[in-house]
């Protein structure tokens, strides 16, 4: 065989291989068998779309723990004893923590006169601005001229027989002194902050330790005479000056003063000295 025949034989063999391994599988729908191993990756397929109807929504209530019972007292007195300090992690030889040292510097409790009001007759004052959060009002009055006294006063009892005769000679007159202060809010004229009158009333004679100018009272019986005379005594009951405390401020005030049958009056507005320079 010559070279040309060998070429024909190889070409025919190659054609047979192509028919057997390529053309035939393609014609029959089978994969081409080349004798080599290949890994074929199949892409994932999406699941079919499912439509749901008549869906019922179920709501689940949140889980709650039962409330903690509030401890109550059985109204019995408890007796508290002592335990080993080691129960609290404290050593028996450990010193107890010291408290905060006491500040030896005492606060300034002095007061300073901020304004004064004096007079004899009643009236309405000017507005005074009080910018402080706390202030005090000190006030006092003096006695007017003494009223006219009784010339004599005598009682003669009969003790069941005869007639009793009593008489008053001379003149007797008294005038009751009156004094009051109305503290008004200047920012609200309809607001009366406070109405102030001397506590317990006004009694100059009691405060000075002397009785009213009344002469001796003579009581006459059948065989016995007794004379009762008022005796002046020292008195520590004078309440003057009076003091009112006001836990407000930061505004203006004015005062309406009613004064009758007194000598004079003096009002002092006091502020804590520690406020000076801060307001």
C-alpha atoms as a PDB file:
ATOM      1  CA  UNK A   1       0.000   0.000   0.000  1.00  0.00           C
ATOM      2  CA  UNK A   2       1.220   3.346  -0.904  1.00  0.00           C
ATOM      3  CA  UNK A   3       0.971   6.500   1.110  1.00  0.00           C
ATOM      4  CA  UNK A   4      -2.185   7.667  -0.649  1.00  0.00           C
ATOM      5  CA  UNK A   5      -4.102   4.551   0.386  1.00  0.00           C
ATOM      6  CA  UNK A   6      -3.062   4.976   4.014  1.00  0.00           C
ATOM      7  CA  UNK A   7      -4.362   8.562   3.921  1.00  0.00           C
ATOM      8  CA  UNK A   8      -7.751   7.383   2.628  1.00  0.00           C
ATOM      9  CA  UNK A   9      -7.959   4.736   5.359  1.00  0.00           C
ATOM     10  CA  UNK A  10      -7.234   7.299   8.161  1.00  0.00           C
ATOM     11  CA  UNK A  11      -9.752   9.766   6.746  1.00  0.00           C
ATOM     12  CA  UNK A  12     -12.417   7.083   6.594  1.00  0.00           C
ATOM     13  CA  UNK A  13     -11.694   6.063  10.190  1.00  0.00           C
ATOM     14  CA  UNK A  14     -11.992   9.650  11.332  1.00  0.00           C
ATOM     15  CA  UNK A  15     -15.326  10.076   9.559  1.00  0.00           C
ATOM     16  CA  UNK A  16     -16.631   6.914  11.262  1.00  0.00           C
ATOM     17  CA  UNK A  17     -15.656   8.299  14.656  1.00  0.00           C
ATOM     18  CA  UNK A  18     -17.407  11.600  13.964  1.00  0.00           C
ATOM     19  CA  UNK A  19     -20.568   9.790  12.880  1.00  0.00           C
ATOM     20  CA  UNK A  20     -20.501   7.494  15.905  1.00  0.00           C
ATOM     21  CA  UNK A  21     -19.775  10.006  18.613  1.00  0.00           C
ATOM     22  CA  UNK A  22     -21.183  13.308  17.304  1.00  0.00           C
ATOM     23  CA  UNK A  23     -23.756  13.000  14.563  1.00  0.00           C
ATOM     24  CA  UNK A  24     -25.584   9.954  15.957  1.00  0.00           C
ATOM     25  CA  UNK A  25     -26.046  11.358  19.527  1.00  0.00           C
ATOM     26  CA  UNK A  26     -27.256  14.636  18.146  1.00  0.00           C
ATOM     27  CA  UNK A  27     -29.748  12.858  15.974  1.00  0.00           C
ATOM     28  CA  UNK A  28     -31.043  10.736  18.882  1.00  0.00           C
ATOM     29  CA  UNK A  29     -31.044  13.600  21.497  1.00  0.00           C
ATOM     30  CA  UNK A  30     -28.359  11.988  23.652  1.00  0.00           C
ATOM     31  CA  UNK A  31     -25.339  13.868  24.998  1.00  0.00           C
ATOM     32  CA  UNK A  32     -22.205  13.675  22.962  1.00  0.00           C
ATOM     33  CA  UNK A  33     -19.947  10.953  24.335  1.00  0.00           C
ATOM     34  CA  UNK A  34     -16.399  12.120  23.896  1.00  0.00           C
ATOM     35  CA  UNK A  35     -15.013   9.829  26.522  1.00  0.00           C
ATOM     36  CA  UNK A  36     -14.123  12.822  28.723  1.00  0.00           C
ATOM     37  CA  UNK A  37     -15.760  13.562  32.143  1.00  0.00           C
ATOM     38  CA  UNK A  38     -17.425  17.003  32.482  1.00  0.00           C
ATOM     39  CA  UNK A  39     -19.410  18.418  35.460  1.00  0.00           C
ATOM     40  CA  UNK A  40     -22.626  20.029  34.335  1.00  0.00           C
ATOM     41  CA  UNK A  41     -24.118  22.702  36.649  1.00  0.00           C
ATOM     42  CA  UNK A  42     -27.859  22.908  36.457  1.00  0.00           C
ATOM     43  CA  UNK A  43     -29.176  26.379  37.383  1.00  0.00           C
ATOM     44  CA  UNK A  44     -31.710  26.350  40.239  1.00  0.00           C
ATOM     45  CA  UNK A  45     -35.274  26.704  39.241  1.00  0.00           C
ATOM     46  CA  UNK A  46     -37.609  29.085  41.039  1.00  0.00           C
ATOM     47  CA  UNK A  47     -40.447  27.424  42.915  1.00  0.00           C
ATOM     48  CA  UNK A  48     -43.834  27.915  41.386  1.00  0.00           C
ATOM     49  CA  UNK A  49     -45.798  30.948  42.610  1.00  0.00           C
ATOM     50  CA  UNK A  50     -48.514  29.844  45.020  1.00  0.00           C
ATOM     51  CA  UNK A  51     -51.507  32.123  45.705  1.00  0.00           C
ATOM     52  CA  UNK A  52     -53.138  31.836  49.163  1.00  0.00           C
ATOM     53  CA  UNK A  53     -56.706  32.888  49.853  1.00  0.00           C
ATOM     54  CA  UNK A  54     -58.752  33.200  53.083  1.00  0.00           C
ATOM     55  CA  UNK A  55     -55.696  33.762  55.247  1.00  0.00           C
ATOM     56  CA  UNK A  56     -56.533  34.123  58.945  1.00  0.00           C
ATOM     57  CA  UNK A  57     -54.210  36.364  60.980  1.00  0.00           C
ATOM     58  CA  UNK A  58     -53.412  34.966  64.398  1.00  0.00           C
ATOM     59  CA  UNK A  59     -52.289  37.573  66.959  1.00  0.00           C
ATOM     60  CA  UNK A  60     -50.228  36.247  69.815  1.00  0.00           C
ATOM     61  CA  UNK A  61     -50.584  38.168  73.077  1.00  0.00           C
ATOM     62  CA  UNK A  62     -47.274  39.202  74.661  1.00  0.00           C
ATOM     63  CA  UNK A  63     -46.236  37.068  77.535  1.00  0.00           C
ATOM     64  CA  UNK A  64     -46.449  39.035  80.807  1.00  0.00           C
ATOM     65  CA  UNK A  65     -45.115  37.931  84.121  1.00  0.00           C
ATOM     66  CA  UNK A  66     -47.473  38.040  87.096  1.00  0.00           C
ATOM     67  CA  UNK A  67     -47.251  41.280  89.138  1.00  0.00           C
ATOM     68  CA  UNK A  68     -44.953  41.226  92.111  1.00  0.00           C
ATOM     69  CA  UNK A  69     -47.050  41.380  95.272  1.00  0.00           C
ATOM     70  CA  UNK A  70     -46.559  44.536  97.316  1.00  0.00           C
ATOM     71  CA  UNK A  71     -45.261  43.676 100.767  1.00  0.00           C
ATOM     72  CA  UNK A  72     -47.636  44.630 103.518  1.00  0.00           C
ATOM     73  CA  UNK A  73     -46.993  45.269 107.184  1.00  0.00           C
ATOM     74  CA  UNK A  74     -48.661  43.024 109.700  1.00  0.00           C
ATOM     75  CA  UNK A  75     -48.660  45.945 112.193  1.00  0.00           C
ATOM     76  CA  UNK A  76     -46.307  44.092 114.518  1.00  0.00           C
ATOM     77  CA  UNK A  77     -43.209  45.814 115.850  1.00  0.00           C
ATOM     78  CA  UNK A  78     -40.062  44.264 114.445  1.00  0.00           C
ATOM     79  CA  UNK A  79     -37.029  43.566 116.585  1.00  0.00           C
ATOM     80  CA  UNK A  80     -33.804  44.230 114.701  1.00  0.00           C
ATOM     81  CA  UNK A  81     -30.775  42.362 115.982  1.00  0.00           C
ATOM     82  CA  UNK A  82     -27.088  42.322 115.131  1.00  0.00           C
ATOM     83  CA  UNK A  83     -25.191  40.171 112.669  1.00  0.00           C
ATOM     84  CA  UNK A  84     -21.591  39.374 111.931  1.00  0.00           C
ATOM     85  CA  UNK A  85     -20.112  42.240 109.876  1.00  0.00           C
ATOM     86  CA  UNK A  86     -18.613  39.677 107.530  1.00  0.00           C
ATOM     87  CA  UNK A  87     -22.137  39.105 106.170  1.00  0.00           C
ATOM     88  CA  UNK A  88     -21.795  42.470 104.469  1.00  0.00           C
ATOM     89  CA  UNK A  89     -18.175  42.036 103.498  1.00  0.00           C
ATOM     90  CA  UNK A  90     -16.946  44.213 106.372  1.00  0.00           C
ATOM     91  CA  UNK A  91     -13.968  43.158 108.398  1.00  0.00           C
ATOM     92  CA  UNK A  92     -14.376  43.217 112.146  1.00  0.00           C
ATOM     93  CA  UNK A  93     -11.294  45.399 112.531  1.00  0.00           C
ATOM     94  CA  UNK A  94     -12.237  47.752 109.696  1.00  0.00           C
ATOM     95  CA  UNK A  95     -12.947  51.311 110.783  1.00  0.00           C
ATOM     96  CA  UNK A  96     -16.355  52.676 109.946  1.00  0.00           C
ATOM     97  CA  UNK A  97     -16.543  55.420 107.327  1.00  0.00           C
ATOM     98  CA  UNK A  98     -16.505  58.873 108.835  1.00  0.00           C
ATOM     99  CA  UNK A  99     -19.332  61.329 108.217  1.00  0.00           C
ATOM    100  CA  UNK A 100     -18.936  64.707 106.632  1.00  0.00           C
ATOM    101  CA  UNK A 101     -17.271  67.187 108.970  1.00  0.00           C
ATOM    102  CA  UNK A 102     -19.525  69.838 110.455  1.00  0.00           C
ATOM    103  CA  UNK A 103     -18.995  73.244 108.949  1.00  0.00           C
ATOM    104  CA  UNK A 104     -17.872  75.414 111.820  1.00  0.00           C
ATOM    105  CA  UNK A 105     -18.788  78.561 109.885  1.00  0.00           C
ATOM    106  CA  UNK A 106     -22.290  79.522 110.949  1.00  0.00           C
ATOM    107  CA  UNK A 107     -24.567  81.233 108.429  1.00  0.00           C
ATOM    108  CA  UNK A 108     -25.088  84.968 108.727  1.00  0.00           C
ATOM    109  CA  UNK A 109     -28.460  85.342 110.455  1.00  0.00           C
ATOM    110  CA  UNK A 110     -28.238  89.099 110.898  1.00  0.00           C
ATOM    111  CA  UNK A 111     -30.779  91.457 109.367  1.00  0.00           C
ATOM    112  CA  UNK A 112     -30.379  94.843 107.755  1.00  0.00           C
ATOM    113  CA  UNK A 113     -32.970  97.618 107.622  1.00  0.00           C
ATOM    114  CA  UNK A 114     -34.007  97.998 103.975  1.00  0.00           C
ATOM    115  CA  UNK A 115     -36.689 100.715 104.324  1.00  0.00           C
ATOM    116  CA  UNK A 116     -38.637 102.556 107.039  1.00  0.00           C
ATOM    117  CA  UNK A 117     -42.105 104.076 107.274  1.00  0.00           C
ATOM    118  CA  UNK A 118     -43.043 106.453 110.083  1.00  0.00           C
ATOM    119  CA  UNK A 119     -46.115 108.556 110.793  1.00  0.00           C
ATOM    120  CA  UNK A 120     -48.938 109.463 113.140  1.00  0.00           C
ATOM    121  CA  UNK A 121     -51.993 109.324 110.884  1.00  0.00           C
ATOM    122  CA  UNK A 122     -53.122 106.654 108.500  1.00  0.00           C
ATOM    123  CA  UNK A 123     -52.520 106.682 104.766  1.00  0.00           C
ATOM    124  CA  UNK A 124     -51.245 104.852 101.701  1.00  0.00           C
ATOM    125  CA  UNK A 125     -47.514 104.626 101.093  1.00  0.00           C
ATOM    126  CA  UNK A 126     -45.431 104.747  97.955  1.00  0.00           C
ATOM    127  CA  UNK A 127     -44.473 101.513  96.180  1.00  0.00           C
ATOM    128  CA  UNK A 128     -41.310  99.933  97.516  1.00  0.00           C
ATOM    129  CA  UNK A 129     -39.570  97.311  95.381  1.00  0.00           C
ATOM    130  CA  UNK A 130     -38.424  94.252  97.363  1.00  0.00           C
ATOM    131  CA  UNK A 131     -36.315  91.990  95.121  1.00  0.00           C
ATOM    132  CA  UNK A 132     -35.458  89.531  97.889  1.00  0.00           C
ATOM    133  CA  UNK A 133     -37.118  86.104  98.281  1.00  0.00           C
ATOM    134  CA  UNK A 134     -37.636  86.619 102.009  1.00  0.00           C
ATOM    135  CA  UNK A 135     -38.171  89.686 104.166  1.00  0.00           C
ATOM    136  CA  UNK A 136     -39.622  90.702 107.506  1.00  0.00           C
ATOM    137  CA  UNK A 137     -41.774  93.594 108.645  1.00  0.00           C
ATOM    138  CA  UNK A 138     -41.120  94.968 112.122  1.00  0.00           C
ATOM    139  CA  UNK A 139     -43.651  97.486 113.427  1.00  0.00           C
ATOM    140  CA  UNK A 140     -44.393  99.296 116.679  1.00  0.00           C
ATOM    141  CA  UNK A 141     -46.684 102.033 117.990  1.00  0.00           C
ATOM    142  CA  UNK A 142     -46.589 104.549 120.822  1.00  0.00           C
ATOM    143  CA  UNK A 143     -49.317 105.731 123.159  1.00  0.00           C
ATOM    144  CA  UNK A 144     -51.299 108.895 122.603  1.00  0.00           C
ATOM    145  CA  UNK A 145     -52.155 111.418 125.323  1.00  0.00           C
ATOM    146  CA  UNK A 146     -53.833 109.830 128.384  1.00  0.00           C
ATOM    147  CA  UNK A 147     -57.641 110.032 128.453  1.00  0.00           C
ATOM    148  CA  UNK A 148     -59.475 111.899 131.205  1.00  0.00           C
ATOM    149  CA  UNK A 149     -59.822 109.986 134.464  1.00  0.00           C
ATOM    150  CA  UNK A 150     -62.760 109.366 136.773  1.00  0.00           C
ATOM    151  CA  UNK A 151     -63.004 111.813 139.701  1.00  0.00           C
ATOM    152  CA  UNK A 152     -64.497 109.294 142.211  1.00  0.00           C
ATOM    153  CA  UNK A 153     -66.339 105.999 142.237  1.00  0.00           C
ATOM    154  CA  UNK A 154     -68.202 104.702 145.355  1.00  0.00           C
ATOM    155  CA  UNK A 155     -70.491 101.710 146.055  1.00  0.00           C
ATOM    156  CA  UNK A 156     -72.537 101.273 149.264  1.00  0.00           C
ATOM    157  CA  UNK A 157     -74.087  97.785 149.586  1.00  0.00           C
ATOM    158  CA  UNK A 158     -76.981  97.132 152.066  1.00  0.00           C
ATOM    159  CA  UNK A 159     -76.716  93.335 152.422  1.00  0.00           C
ATOM    160  CA  UNK A 160     -80.479  92.676 152.238  1.00  0.00           C
ATOM    161  CA  UNK A 161     -81.965  95.706 154.030  1.00  0.00           C
ATOM    162  CA  UNK A 162     -82.558  99.299 153.217  1.00  0.00           C
ATOM    163  CA  UNK A 163     -81.635 100.765 149.874  1.00  0.00           C
ATOM    164  CA  UNK A 164     -78.407 100.684 147.981  1.00  0.00           C
ATOM    165  CA  UNK A 165     -77.046 103.874 146.541  1.00  0.00           C
ATOM    166  CA  UNK A 166     -74.271 104.071 144.019  1.00  0.00           C
ATOM    167  CA  UNK A 167     -73.016 107.136 142.283  1.00  0.00           C
ATOM    168  CA  UNK A 168     -70.346 108.371 139.918  1.00  0.00           C
ATOM    169  CA  UNK A 169     -68.884 111.810 140.297  1.00  0.00           C
ATOM    170  CA  UNK A 170     -66.723 113.584 137.773  1.00  0.00           C
ATOM    171  CA  UNK A 171     -66.219 112.316 134.191  1.00  0.00           C
ATOM    172  CA  UNK A 172     -64.990 109.081 132.668  1.00  0.00           C
ATOM    173  CA  UNK A 173     -63.968 108.671 129.040  1.00  0.00           C
ATOM    174  CA  UNK A 174     -61.918 106.119 127.153  1.00  0.00           C
ATOM    175  CA  UNK A 175     -60.828 105.978 123.552  1.00  0.00           C
ATOM    176  CA  UNK A 176     -59.866 102.604 122.113  1.00  0.00           C
ATOM    177  CA  UNK A 177     -56.724 102.819 119.957  1.00  0.00           C
ATOM    178  CA  UNK A 178     -56.708 101.020 116.617  1.00  0.00           C
ATOM    179  CA  UNK A 179     -53.924 100.150 114.227  1.00  0.00           C
ATOM    180  CA  UNK A 180     -53.738  97.919 111.156  1.00  0.00           C
ATOM    181  CA  UNK A 181     -51.582  97.459 108.070  1.00  0.00           C
ATOM    182  CA  UNK A 182     -52.641  96.113 104.685  1.00  0.00           C
ATOM    183  CA  UNK A 183     -49.750  94.849 102.572  1.00  0.00           C
ATOM    184  CA  UNK A 184     -50.726  95.225  98.902  1.00  0.00           C
ATOM    185  CA  UNK A 185     -49.193  93.655  95.792  1.00  0.00           C
ATOM    186  CA  UNK A 186     -48.262  96.511  93.439  1.00  0.00           C
ATOM    187  CA  UNK A 187     -48.374  94.173  90.408  1.00  0.00           C
ATOM    188  CA  UNK A 188     -51.952  93.159  91.280  1.00  0.00           C
ATOM    189  CA  UNK A 189     -53.857  95.910  93.128  1.00  0.00           C
ATOM    190  CA  UNK A 190     -56.729  93.506  93.830  1.00  0.00           C
ATOM    191  CA  UNK A 191     -54.464  91.195  95.824  1.00  0.00           C
ATOM    192  CA  UNK A 192     -54.133  91.838  99.531  1.00  0.00           C
ATOM    193  CA  UNK A 193     -50.961  90.037 100.539  1.00  0.00           C
ATOM    194  CA  UNK A 194     -51.722  90.254 104.251  1.00  0.00           C
ATOM    195  CA  UNK A 195     -53.752  92.270 106.753  1.00  0.00           C
ATOM    196  CA  UNK A 196     -51.808  92.874 109.963  1.00  0.00           C
ATOM    197  CA  UNK A 197     -53.111  93.925 113.372  1.00  0.00           C
ATOM    198  CA  UNK A 198     -51.277  93.775 116.722  1.00  0.00           C
ATOM    199  CA  UNK A 199     -51.879  90.251 118.117  1.00  0.00           C
ATOM    200  CA  UNK A 200     -54.015  90.346 121.256  1.00  0.00           C
ATOM    201  CA  UNK A 201     -55.055  93.953 120.747  1.00  0.00           C
ATOM    202  CA  UNK A 202     -53.585  97.176 122.101  1.00  0.00           C
ATOM    203  CA  UNK A 203     -53.249  97.735 125.857  1.00  0.00           C
ATOM    204  CA  UNK A 204     -50.599 100.325 126.710  1.00  0.00           C
ATOM    205  CA  UNK A 205     -51.388 100.266 130.430  1.00  0.00           C
ATOM    206  CA  UNK A 206     -50.919  96.513 130.656  1.00  0.00           C
ATOM    207  CA  UNK A 207     -47.632  96.722 128.781  1.00  0.00           C
ATOM    208  CA  UNK A 208     -46.330  99.515 131.010  1.00  0.00           C
ATOM    209  CA  UNK A 209     -47.371  97.710 134.198  1.00  0.00           C
ATOM    210  CA  UNK A 210     -49.901 100.328 135.380  1.00  0.00           C
ATOM    211  CA  UNK A 211     -53.690 100.178 135.617  1.00  0.00           C
ATOM    212  CA  UNK A 212     -56.092 102.678 134.127  1.00  0.00           C
ATOM    213  CA  UNK A 213     -56.273 106.037 135.945  1.00  0.00           C
ATOM    214  CA  UNK A 214     -59.169 105.004 138.181  1.00  0.00           C
ATOM    215  CA  UNK A 215     -59.312 106.265 141.810  1.00  0.00           C
ATOM    216  CA  UNK A 216     -59.621 104.003 144.820  1.00  0.00           C
ATOM    217  CA  UNK A 217     -62.857 102.025 145.173  1.00  0.00           C
ATOM    218  CA  UNK A 218     -64.383 102.210 148.673  1.00  0.00           C
ATOM    219  CA  UNK A 219     -66.700  99.379 149.779  1.00  0.00           C
ATOM    220  CA  UNK A 220     -68.840 100.308 152.857  1.00  0.00           C
ATOM    221  CA  UNK A 221     -70.462  97.693 155.101  1.00  0.00           C
ATOM    222  CA  UNK A 222     -72.225  97.960 158.492  1.00  0.00           C
ATOM    223  CA  UNK A 223     -69.141  97.751 160.644  1.00  0.00           C
ATOM    224  CA  UNK A 224     -66.296  97.192 158.270  1.00  0.00           C
ATOM    225  CA  UNK A 225     -64.666  99.399 155.727  1.00  0.00           C
ATOM    226  CA  UNK A 226     -62.288  98.152 153.114  1.00  0.00           C
ATOM    227  CA  UNK A 227     -60.399 100.215 150.626  1.00  0.00           C
ATOM    228  CA  UNK A 228     -59.172  98.587 147.381  1.00  0.00           C
ATOM    229  CA  UNK A 229     -56.598 100.533 145.407  1.00  0.00           C
ATOM    230  CA  UNK A 230     -54.882  99.405 142.190  1.00  0.00           C
ATOM    231  CA  UNK A 231     -51.164  99.090 142.641  1.00  0.00           C
ATOM    232  CA  UNK A 232     -48.846  99.550 139.669  1.00  0.00           C
ATOM    233  CA  UNK A 233     -46.588  96.573 139.103  1.00  0.00           C
ATOM    234  CA  UNK A 234     -43.706  95.927 136.757  1.00  0.00           C
ATOM    235  CA  UNK A 235     -44.674  94.206 133.523  1.00  0.00           C
ATOM    236  CA  UNK A 236     -42.769  92.052 131.013  1.00  0.00           C
ATOM    237  CA  UNK A 237     -45.747  91.652 128.686  1.00  0.00           C
ATOM    238  CA  UNK A 238     -44.903  94.423 126.215  1.00  0.00           C
ATOM    239  CA  UNK A 239     -44.924  92.667 122.819  1.00  0.00           C
ATOM    240  CA  UNK A 240     -43.557  95.623 120.878  1.00  0.00           C
ATOM    241  CA  UNK A 241     -42.138  95.572 118.292  1.00  0.00           C
ATOM    242  CA  UNK A 242     -44.179  92.982 116.433  1.00  0.00           C
ATOM    243  CA  UNK A 243     -42.692  90.978 113.594  1.00  0.00           C
ATOM    244  CA  UNK A 244     -44.235  89.554 110.420  1.00  0.00           C
ATOM    245  CA  UNK A 245     -42.376  87.158 108.095  1.00  0.00           C
ATOM    246  CA  UNK A 246     -42.927  87.104 104.339  1.00  0.00           C
ATOM    247  CA  UNK A 247     -41.761  84.137 102.292  1.00  0.00           C
ATOM    248  CA  UNK A 248     -42.186  85.942  98.989  1.00  0.00           C
ATOM    249  CA  UNK A 249     -40.669  88.849  97.144  1.00  0.00           C
ATOM    250  CA  UNK A 250     -39.301  89.830  93.788  1.00  0.00           C
ATOM    251  CA  UNK A 251     -41.955  92.507  93.284  1.00  0.00           C
ATOM    252  CA  UNK A 252     -43.206  95.850  94.495  1.00  0.00           C
ATOM    253  CA  UNK A 253     -45.476  96.441  97.495  1.00  0.00           C
ATOM    254  CA  UNK A 254     -47.335  99.342  99.040  1.00  0.00           C
ATOM    255  CA  UNK A 255     -48.937  99.667 102.476  1.00  0.00           C
ATOM    256  CA  UNK A 256     -52.335 100.962 103.563  1.00  0.00           C
ATOM    257  CA  UNK A 257     -52.101 102.034 107.209  1.00  0.00           C
ATOM    258  CA  UNK A 258     -55.073 102.656 109.497  1.00  0.00           C
ATOM    259  CA  UNK A 259     -54.091 104.561 112.638  1.00  0.00           C
ATOM    260  CA  UNK A 260     -56.537 105.891 115.232  1.00  0.00           C
ATOM    261  CA  UNK A 261     -55.911 107.258 118.714  1.00  0.00           C
ATOM    262  CA  UNK A 262     -52.249 106.318 118.941  1.00  0.00           C
ATOM    263  CA  UNK A 263     -49.203 108.516 119.253  1.00  0.00           C
ATOM    264  CA  UNK A 264     -47.038 107.362 116.317  1.00  0.00           C
ATOM    265  CA  UNK A 265     -45.984 104.247 114.441  1.00  0.00           C
ATOM    266  CA  UNK A 266     -42.772 102.978 112.888  1.00  0.00           C
ATOM    267  CA  UNK A 267     -42.456 100.253 110.263  1.00  0.00           C
ATOM    268  CA  UNK A 268     -39.139  98.666 109.283  1.00  0.00           C
ATOM    269  CA  UNK A 269     -38.586  96.357 106.319  1.00  0.00           C
ATOM    270  CA  UNK A 270     -35.787  93.955 107.250  1.00  0.00           C
ATOM    271  CA  UNK A 271     -33.778  91.728 104.906  1.00  0.00           C
ATOM    272  CA  UNK A 272     -31.162  89.064 105.710  1.00  0.00           C
ATOM    273  CA  UNK A 273     -27.722  90.628 105.595  1.00  0.00           C
ATOM    274  CA  UNK A 274     -26.445  87.722 103.473  1.00  0.00           C
ATOM    275  CA  UNK A 275     -28.710  88.918 100.633  1.00  0.00           C
ATOM    276  CA  UNK A 276     -26.740  92.132 100.218  1.00  0.00           C
ATOM    277  CA  UNK A 277     -24.859  92.072  96.916  1.00  0.00           C
ATOM    278  CA  UNK A 278     -26.743  89.038  95.624  1.00  0.00           C
ATOM    279  CA  UNK A 279     -29.964  90.722  94.468  1.00  0.00           C
END
